[in-house]
Amino acid sequence: MRTLWEAATGPLSILFTAALVVVGCFWLLVAVGAAAANSFDADLDLGRWGMGGVPVAVALTLLTALAWLFGVGAHALLLAALLSTGAVTGALHVLASAAALLVAWRVTCLFVRPLHRLFPDEPGPARAAARDGVG
């Protein structure tokens, strides 16, 4: 448990942990009715990032949760495997954080594709491309 705590509150993982706390607070506000789940839809178009077709809050929540899971998991493995500290260990932690974010983005894109059927009022990838004059 201590390794998980250290991994979640480490220098680089704290960014993912803080983002996950913000997402959790947002969904608590949605649950009590103080915010709307589609609050960010007019502000940001995620179609260019491959995450179109669902509300922005859903896509970013999924991205944040997956990045935290992959990032903290990678850092926990590094903490368990590497007991030393130094430049190489620090570089591995930076690389693990970047890789976790990239993998989370790709997995989020894969998860969003089937979810867009649940949100018919959101512009999907094909409709966004047609709107932008692509294809």
N, C-alpha and C. Protein backbone atom coordinates (compact mmCIF):
# COMPACT_ATOMS: atom_id res chain seq x y z
N MET A 1 0.82 -1.19 0.00
CA MET A 1 0.00 0.00 0.00
C MET A 1 0.87 1.26 0.00
N ARG A 2 2.00 1.16 0.69
CA ARG A 2 2.90 2.31 0.74
C ARG A 2 3.46 2.61 -0.64
N THR A 3 3.77 1.57 -1.41
CA THR A 3 4.29 1.78 -2.76
C THR A 3 3.26 2.46 -3.64
N LEU A 4 2.00 2.07 -3.51
CA LEU A 4 0.94 2.71 -4.28
C LEU A 4 0.79 4.18 -3.89
N TRP A 5 0.84 4.45 -2.59
CA TRP A 5 0.74 5.83 -2.12
C TRP A 5 1.90 6.67 -2.64
N GLU A 6 3.11 6.12 -2.58
CA GLU A 6 4.28 6.84 -3.09
C GLU A 6 4.19 7.05 -4.60
N ALA A 7 3.66 6.06 -5.30
CA ALA A 7 3.51 6.19 -6.75
C ALA A 7 2.47 7.24 -7.10
N ALA A 8 1.38 7.30 -6.35
CA ALA A 8 0.30 8.25 -6.65
C ALA A 8 0.66 9.68 -6.27
N THR A 9 1.55 9.85 -5.32
CA THR A 9 1.91 11.20 -4.86
C THR A 9 3.34 11.57 -5.23
N GLY A 10 3.94 10.81 -6.14
CA GLY A 10 5.29 11.11 -6.59
C GLY A 10 5.33 12.41 -7.38
N PRO A 11 6.52 12.89 -7.68
CA PRO A 11 6.66 14.19 -8.35
C PRO A 11 5.92 14.30 -9.68
N LEU A 12 5.90 13.26 -10.47
CA LEU A 12 5.21 13.34 -11.76
C LEU A 12 3.78 12.82 -11.69
N SER A 13 3.55 11.81 -10.89
CA SER A 13 2.20 11.24 -10.78
C SER A 13 1.23 12.16 -10.07
N ILE A 14 1.74 13.11 -9.31
CA ILE A 14 0.86 14.02 -8.59
C ILE A 14 0.02 14.84 -9.58
N LEU A 15 0.52 15.05 -10.78
CA LEU A 15 -0.26 15.77 -11.80
C LEU A 15 -1.49 14.95 -12.20
N PHE A 16 -1.29 13.65 -12.42
CA PHE A 16 -2.42 12.78 -12.75
C PHE A 16 -3.38 12.66 -11.57
N THR A 17 -2.84 12.57 -10.36
CA THR A 17 -3.67 12.45 -9.17
C THR A 17 -4.50 13.71 -8.96
N ALA A 18 -3.89 14.87 -9.14
CA ALA A 18 -4.62 16.13 -8.98
C ALA A 18 -5.72 16.25 -10.04
N ALA A 19 -5.42 15.85 -11.27
CA ALA A 19 -6.42 15.89 -12.33
C ALA A 19 -7.58 14.95 -12.02
N LEU A 20 -7.27 13.79 -11.45
CA LEU A 20 -8.32 12.84 -11.09
C LEU A 20 -9.19 13.39 -9.97
N VAL A 21 -8.61 14.10 -9.03
CA VAL A 21 -9.38 14.74 -7.96
C VAL A 21 -10.31 15.81 -8.53
N VAL A 22 -9.81 16.60 -9.47
CA VAL A 22 -10.64 17.63 -10.10
C VAL A 22 -11.80 16.99 -10.85
N VAL A 23 -11.53 15.91 -11.58
CA VAL A 23 -12.59 15.22 -12.32
C VAL A 23 -13.61 14.64 -11.33
N GLY A 24 -13.14 14.06 -10.26
CA GLY A 24 -14.06 13.53 -9.24
C GLY A 24 -14.94 14.61 -8.64
N CYS A 25 -14.35 15.77 -8.35
CA CYS A 25 -15.13 16.88 -7.80
C CYS A 25 -16.15 17.39 -8.82
N PHE A 26 -15.76 17.44 -10.10
CA PHE A 26 -16.70 17.85 -11.15
C PHE A 26 -17.91 16.93 -11.18
N TRP A 27 -17.67 15.60 -11.16
CA TRP A 27 -18.79 14.66 -11.23
C TRP A 27 -19.62 14.68 -9.95
N LEU A 28 -19.01 15.02 -8.81
CA LEU A 28 -19.81 15.21 -7.60
C LEU A 28 -20.72 16.43 -7.75
N LEU A 29 -20.21 17.51 -8.35
CA LEU A 29 -21.05 18.68 -8.60
C LEU A 29 -22.18 18.35 -9.57
N VAL A 30 -21.89 17.53 -10.56
CA VAL A 30 -22.94 17.09 -11.49
C VAL A 30 -23.98 16.26 -10.75
N ALA A 31 -23.52 15.39 -9.86
CA ALA A 31 -24.44 14.51 -9.13
C ALA A 31 -25.39 15.28 -8.23
N VAL A 32 -24.92 16.38 -7.63
CA VAL A 32 -25.80 17.16 -6.76
C VAL A 32 -26.56 18.24 -7.52
N GLY A 33 -26.30 18.36 -8.81
CA GLY A 33 -27.05 19.31 -9.63
C GLY A 33 -26.46 20.70 -9.70
N ALA A 34 -25.26 20.89 -9.21
CA ALA A 34 -24.64 22.22 -9.23
C ALA A 34 -23.96 22.52 -10.56
N ALA A 35 -23.75 21.51 -11.39
CA ALA A 35 -23.14 21.68 -12.71
C ALA A 35 -23.83 20.73 -13.68
N ALA A 36 -23.71 21.04 -14.95
CA ALA A 36 -24.28 20.17 -15.99
C ALA A 36 -23.16 19.34 -16.61
N ALA A 37 -23.50 18.12 -16.97
CA ALA A 37 -22.49 17.22 -17.54
C ALA A 37 -21.96 17.72 -18.88
N ASN A 38 -22.74 18.53 -19.58
CA ASN A 38 -22.30 19.04 -20.87
C ASN A 38 -21.82 20.49 -20.78
N SER A 39 -21.27 20.88 -19.64
CA SER A 39 -20.83 22.25 -19.42
C SER A 39 -19.73 22.69 -20.38
N PHE A 40 -18.90 21.79 -20.82
CA PHE A 40 -17.73 22.15 -21.62
C PHE A 40 -17.92 21.90 -23.10
N ASP A 41 -19.08 21.48 -23.54
CA ASP A 41 -19.27 21.09 -24.94
C ASP A 41 -19.10 22.25 -25.91
N ALA A 42 -19.50 23.45 -25.54
CA ALA A 42 -19.38 24.58 -26.44
C ALA A 42 -17.95 25.12 -26.48
N ASP A 43 -17.15 24.77 -25.51
CA ASP A 43 -15.82 25.35 -25.39
C ASP A 43 -14.73 24.58 -26.12
N LEU A 44 -14.92 23.29 -26.34
CA LEU A 44 -13.83 22.47 -26.83
C LEU A 44 -14.34 21.41 -27.79
N ASP A 45 -13.66 21.24 -28.90
CA ASP A 45 -14.01 20.21 -29.87
C ASP A 45 -12.89 19.18 -29.88
N LEU A 46 -13.19 17.98 -29.43
CA LEU A 46 -12.18 16.92 -29.35
C LEU A 46 -12.16 16.03 -30.57
N GLY A 47 -12.91 16.38 -31.60
CA GLY A 47 -12.94 15.58 -32.82
C GLY A 47 -11.57 15.49 -33.49
N ARG A 48 -10.81 16.55 -33.45
CA ARG A 48 -9.48 16.55 -34.05
C ARG A 48 -8.51 15.64 -33.30
N TRP A 49 -8.81 15.35 -32.05
CA TRP A 49 -7.96 14.49 -31.23
C TRP A 49 -8.43 13.04 -31.24
N GLY A 50 -9.48 12.75 -32.03
CA GLY A 50 -10.00 11.39 -32.12
C GLY A 50 -10.96 11.02 -31.02
N MET A 51 -11.41 12.02 -30.24
CA MET A 51 -12.31 11.73 -29.13
C MET A 51 -13.67 12.40 -29.31
N GLY A 52 -14.05 12.68 -30.55
CA GLY A 52 -15.32 13.32 -30.82
C GLY A 52 -16.47 12.32 -30.74
N GLY A 53 -17.66 12.84 -30.59
CA GLY A 53 -18.85 12.00 -30.58
C GLY A 53 -19.43 11.79 -29.20
N VAL A 54 -18.71 12.19 -28.17
CA VAL A 54 -19.21 12.11 -26.80
C VAL A 54 -19.00 13.48 -26.16
N PRO A 55 -19.72 13.78 -25.09
CA PRO A 55 -19.47 15.05 -24.41
C PRO A 55 -18.00 15.17 -23.95
N VAL A 56 -17.51 16.37 -23.97
CA VAL A 56 -16.12 16.62 -23.60
C VAL A 56 -15.82 16.12 -22.20
N ALA A 57 -16.75 16.29 -21.28
CA ALA A 57 -16.53 15.85 -19.90
C ALA A 57 -16.34 14.34 -19.83
N VAL A 58 -17.07 13.60 -20.64
CA VAL A 58 -16.93 12.14 -20.65
C VAL A 58 -15.56 11.75 -21.20
N ALA A 59 -15.18 12.34 -22.32
CA ALA A 59 -13.89 12.01 -22.94
C ALA A 59 -12.72 12.37 -22.03
N LEU A 60 -12.75 13.55 -21.44
CA LEU A 60 -11.64 13.96 -20.57
C LEU A 60 -11.62 13.20 -19.27
N THR A 61 -12.77 12.79 -18.78
CA THR A 61 -12.81 11.95 -17.58
C THR A 61 -12.17 10.60 -17.87
N LEU A 62 -12.51 10.02 -18.99
CA LEU A 62 -11.93 8.75 -19.37
C LEU A 62 -10.42 8.88 -19.58
N LEU A 63 -9.99 9.93 -20.24
CA LEU A 63 -8.56 10.17 -20.46
C LEU A 63 -7.83 10.34 -19.13
N THR A 64 -8.39 11.11 -18.23
CA THR A 64 -7.76 11.35 -16.94
C THR A 64 -7.68 10.08 -16.11
N ALA A 65 -8.76 9.32 -16.06
CA ALA A 65 -8.75 8.09 -15.27
C ALA A 65 -7.76 7.07 -15.82
N LEU A 66 -7.70 6.94 -17.14
CA LEU A 66 -6.76 5.99 -17.73
C LEU A 66 -5.32 6.45 -17.57
N ALA A 67 -5.07 7.75 -17.73
CA ALA A 67 -3.71 8.27 -17.54
C ALA A 67 -3.26 8.06 -16.10
N TRP A 68 -4.17 8.28 -15.14
CA TRP A 68 -3.81 8.04 -13.75
C TRP A 68 -3.51 6.57 -13.52
N LEU A 69 -4.37 5.70 -14.04
CA LEU A 69 -4.18 4.27 -13.85
C LEU A 69 -2.85 3.80 -14.45
N PHE A 70 -2.60 4.17 -15.69
CA PHE A 70 -1.36 3.74 -16.34
C PHE A 70 -0.13 4.40 -15.71
N GLY A 71 -0.24 5.68 -15.39
CA GLY A 71 0.89 6.40 -14.81
C GLY A 71 1.27 5.90 -13.42
N VAL A 72 0.28 5.75 -12.58
CA VAL A 72 0.55 5.27 -11.22
C VAL A 72 1.01 3.82 -11.26
N GLY A 73 0.42 3.03 -12.14
CA GLY A 73 0.87 1.63 -12.29
C GLY A 73 2.32 1.55 -12.73
N ALA A 74 2.69 2.36 -13.71
CA ALA A 74 4.08 2.36 -14.19
C ALA A 74 5.04 2.84 -13.10
N HIS A 75 4.64 3.88 -12.37
CA HIS A 75 5.50 4.39 -11.31
C HIS A 75 5.62 3.38 -10.16
N ALA A 76 4.53 2.69 -9.86
CA ALA A 76 4.60 1.66 -8.81
C ALA A 76 5.54 0.53 -9.23
N LEU A 77 5.48 0.14 -10.49
CA LEU A 77 6.40 -0.89 -10.97
C LEU A 77 7.85 -0.40 -10.92
N LEU A 78 8.06 0.84 -11.29
CA LEU A 78 9.42 1.39 -11.24
C LEU A 78 9.92 1.49 -9.80
N LEU A 79 9.04 1.89 -8.88
CA LEU A 79 9.45 1.99 -7.48
C LEU A 79 9.77 0.62 -6.90
N ALA A 80 9.01 -0.38 -7.31
CA ALA A 80 9.25 -1.73 -6.81
C ALA A 80 10.51 -2.33 -7.42
N ALA A 81 10.78 -2.01 -8.68
CA ALA A 81 11.93 -2.61 -9.37
C ALA A 81 13.23 -1.86 -9.12
N LEU A 82 13.15 -0.54 -9.03
CA LEU A 82 14.36 0.27 -8.88
C LEU A 82 14.40 0.90 -7.50
N LEU A 83 15.34 0.52 -6.72
CA LEU A 83 15.46 1.07 -5.37
C LEU A 83 16.37 2.29 -5.34
N SER A 84 17.15 2.49 -6.37
CA SER A 84 18.08 3.61 -6.37
C SER A 84 17.41 4.86 -6.94
N THR A 85 17.99 5.99 -6.64
CA THR A 85 17.54 7.25 -7.21
C THR A 85 18.70 7.83 -8.00
N GLY A 86 18.38 8.55 -9.01
CA GLY A 86 19.42 9.14 -9.84
C GLY A 86 18.85 9.64 -11.14
N ALA A 87 19.73 10.03 -12.03
CA ALA A 87 19.30 10.60 -13.29
C ALA A 87 18.58 9.57 -14.16
N VAL A 88 19.08 8.34 -14.16
CA VAL A 88 18.44 7.31 -14.99
C VAL A 88 17.05 6.99 -14.46
N THR A 89 16.92 6.86 -13.16
CA THR A 89 15.61 6.59 -12.56
C THR A 89 14.65 7.74 -12.82
N GLY A 90 15.13 8.97 -12.69
CA GLY A 90 14.29 10.13 -12.99
C GLY A 90 13.85 10.17 -14.43
N ALA A 91 14.77 9.83 -15.34
CA ALA A 91 14.41 9.80 -16.76
C ALA A 91 13.38 8.72 -17.04
N LEU A 92 13.51 7.58 -16.36
CA LEU A 92 12.53 6.51 -16.54
C LEU A 92 11.15 6.94 -16.05
N HIS A 93 11.10 7.70 -14.96
CA HIS A 93 9.81 8.19 -14.45
C HIS A 93 9.19 9.19 -15.42
N VAL A 94 10.00 10.07 -16.01
CA VAL A 94 9.48 11.03 -16.99
C VAL A 94 8.96 10.28 -18.22
N LEU A 95 9.73 9.31 -18.68
CA LEU A 95 9.32 8.51 -19.83
C LEU A 95 8.04 7.73 -19.53
N ALA A 96 7.94 7.20 -18.32
CA ALA A 96 6.73 6.44 -17.93
C ALA A 96 5.51 7.35 -17.92
N SER A 97 5.66 8.58 -17.44
CA SER A 97 4.52 9.51 -17.42
C SER A 97 4.08 9.88 -18.83
N ALA A 98 5.05 10.17 -19.69
CA ALA A 98 4.72 10.51 -21.08
C ALA A 98 4.06 9.33 -21.79
N ALA A 99 4.62 8.14 -21.58
CA ALA A 99 4.04 6.95 -22.20
C ALA A 99 2.64 6.68 -21.66
N ALA A 100 2.43 6.88 -20.37
CA ALA A 100 1.10 6.66 -19.79
C ALA A 100 0.08 7.60 -20.41
N LEU A 101 0.46 8.85 -20.63
CA LEU A 101 -0.46 9.81 -21.23
C LEU A 101 -0.77 9.43 -22.68
N LEU A 102 0.24 9.03 -23.43
CA LEU A 102 0.01 8.63 -24.83
C LEU A 102 -0.84 7.36 -24.93
N VAL A 103 -0.56 6.39 -24.09
CA VAL A 103 -1.36 5.15 -24.11
C VAL A 103 -2.79 5.44 -23.68
N ALA A 104 -2.95 6.29 -22.67
CA ALA A 104 -4.30 6.65 -22.22
C ALA A 104 -5.07 7.36 -23.32
N TRP A 105 -4.40 8.21 -24.08
CA TRP A 105 -5.07 8.90 -25.17
C TRP A 105 -5.53 7.92 -26.24
N ARG A 106 -4.68 6.98 -26.62
CA ARG A 106 -5.05 5.99 -27.64
C ARG A 106 -6.19 5.08 -27.14
N VAL A 107 -6.13 4.65 -25.90
CA VAL A 107 -7.19 3.80 -25.36
C VAL A 107 -8.49 4.58 -25.24
N THR A 108 -8.40 5.85 -24.88
CA THR A 108 -9.60 6.69 -24.81
C THR A 108 -10.24 6.81 -26.19
N CYS A 109 -9.42 7.00 -27.23
CA CYS A 109 -9.95 7.07 -28.59
C CYS A 109 -10.67 5.77 -28.96
N LEU A 110 -10.12 4.64 -28.53
CA LEU A 110 -10.76 3.36 -28.81
C LEU A 110 -12.07 3.20 -28.04
N PHE A 111 -12.13 3.67 -26.80
CA PHE A 111 -13.34 3.56 -26.00
C PHE A 111 -14.43 4.52 -26.46
N VAL A 112 -14.04 5.67 -26.99
CA VAL A 112 -15.01 6.69 -27.37
C VAL A 112 -15.79 6.27 -28.62
N ARG A 113 -15.14 5.54 -29.53
CA ARG A 113 -15.81 5.16 -30.77
C ARG A 113 -17.14 4.45 -30.53
N PRO A 114 -17.20 3.38 -29.72
CA PRO A 114 -18.51 2.76 -29.51
C PRO A 114 -19.44 3.59 -28.62
N LEU A 115 -18.88 4.47 -27.80
CA LEU A 115 -19.73 5.28 -26.91
C LEU A 115 -20.49 6.37 -27.65
N HIS A 116 -20.01 6.77 -28.83
CA HIS A 116 -20.68 7.89 -29.51
C HIS A 116 -22.11 7.54 -29.93
N ARG A 117 -22.46 6.26 -29.99
CA ARG A 117 -23.83 5.87 -30.30
C ARG A 117 -24.79 6.23 -29.17
N LEU A 118 -24.28 6.34 -27.96
CA LEU A 118 -25.11 6.70 -26.81
C LEU A 118 -25.42 8.19 -26.76
N PHE A 119 -24.69 8.98 -27.56
CA PHE A 119 -24.87 10.43 -27.56
C PHE A 119 -25.17 10.91 -28.97
N PRO A 120 -26.40 10.72 -29.45
CA PRO A 120 -26.71 11.06 -30.85
C PRO A 120 -26.64 12.56 -31.15
N ASP A 121 -26.76 13.42 -30.15
CA ASP A 121 -26.73 14.85 -30.42
C ASP A 121 -25.30 15.40 -30.52
N GLU A 122 -24.30 14.59 -30.22
CA GLU A 122 -22.91 15.01 -30.33
C GLU A 122 -22.41 14.74 -31.74
N PRO A 123 -21.62 15.65 -32.31
CA PRO A 123 -21.07 15.38 -33.63
C PRO A 123 -20.02 14.28 -33.56
N GLY A 124 -20.20 13.25 -34.36
CA GLY A 124 -19.25 12.13 -34.40
C GLY A 124 -18.07 12.45 -35.29
N PRO A 125 -17.13 11.53 -35.39
CA PRO A 125 -15.94 11.77 -36.22
C PRO A 125 -16.28 12.00 -37.69
N ALA A 126 -17.22 11.26 -38.26
CA ALA A 126 -17.57 11.44 -39.67
C ALA A 126 -18.30 12.77 -39.88
N ARG A 127 -19.18 13.11 -38.96
CA ARG A 127 -19.91 14.38 -39.10
C ARG A 127 -19.00 15.57 -38.87
N ALA A 128 -18.04 15.46 -37.95
CA ALA A 128 -17.09 16.55 -37.71
C ALA A 128 -16.19 16.75 -38.92
N ALA A 129 -15.77 15.66 -39.56
CA ALA A 129 -14.91 15.77 -40.74
C ALA A 129 -15.68 16.41 -41.89
N ALA A 130 -16.95 16.05 -42.06
CA ALA A 130 -17.77 16.65 -43.10
C ALA A 130 -17.99 18.14 -42.83
N ARG A 131 -18.17 18.48 -41.56
CA ARG A 131 -18.39 19.87 -41.18
C ARG A 131 -17.16 20.71 -41.47
N ASP A 132 -15.96 20.14 -41.22
CA ASP A 132 -14.72 20.87 -41.41
C ASP A 132 -14.24 20.85 -42.86
N GLY A 133 -14.96 20.16 -43.74
CA GLY A 133 -14.59 20.10 -45.13
C GLY A 133 -13.53 19.07 -45.44
N VAL A 134 -13.32 18.11 -44.53
CA VAL A 134 -12.34 17.05 -44.74
C VAL A 134 -13.08 15.84 -45.27
N GLY A 135 -12.56 15.21 -46.28
CA GLY A 135 -13.15 13.97 -46.83
C GLY A 135 -14.28 14.27 -47.67
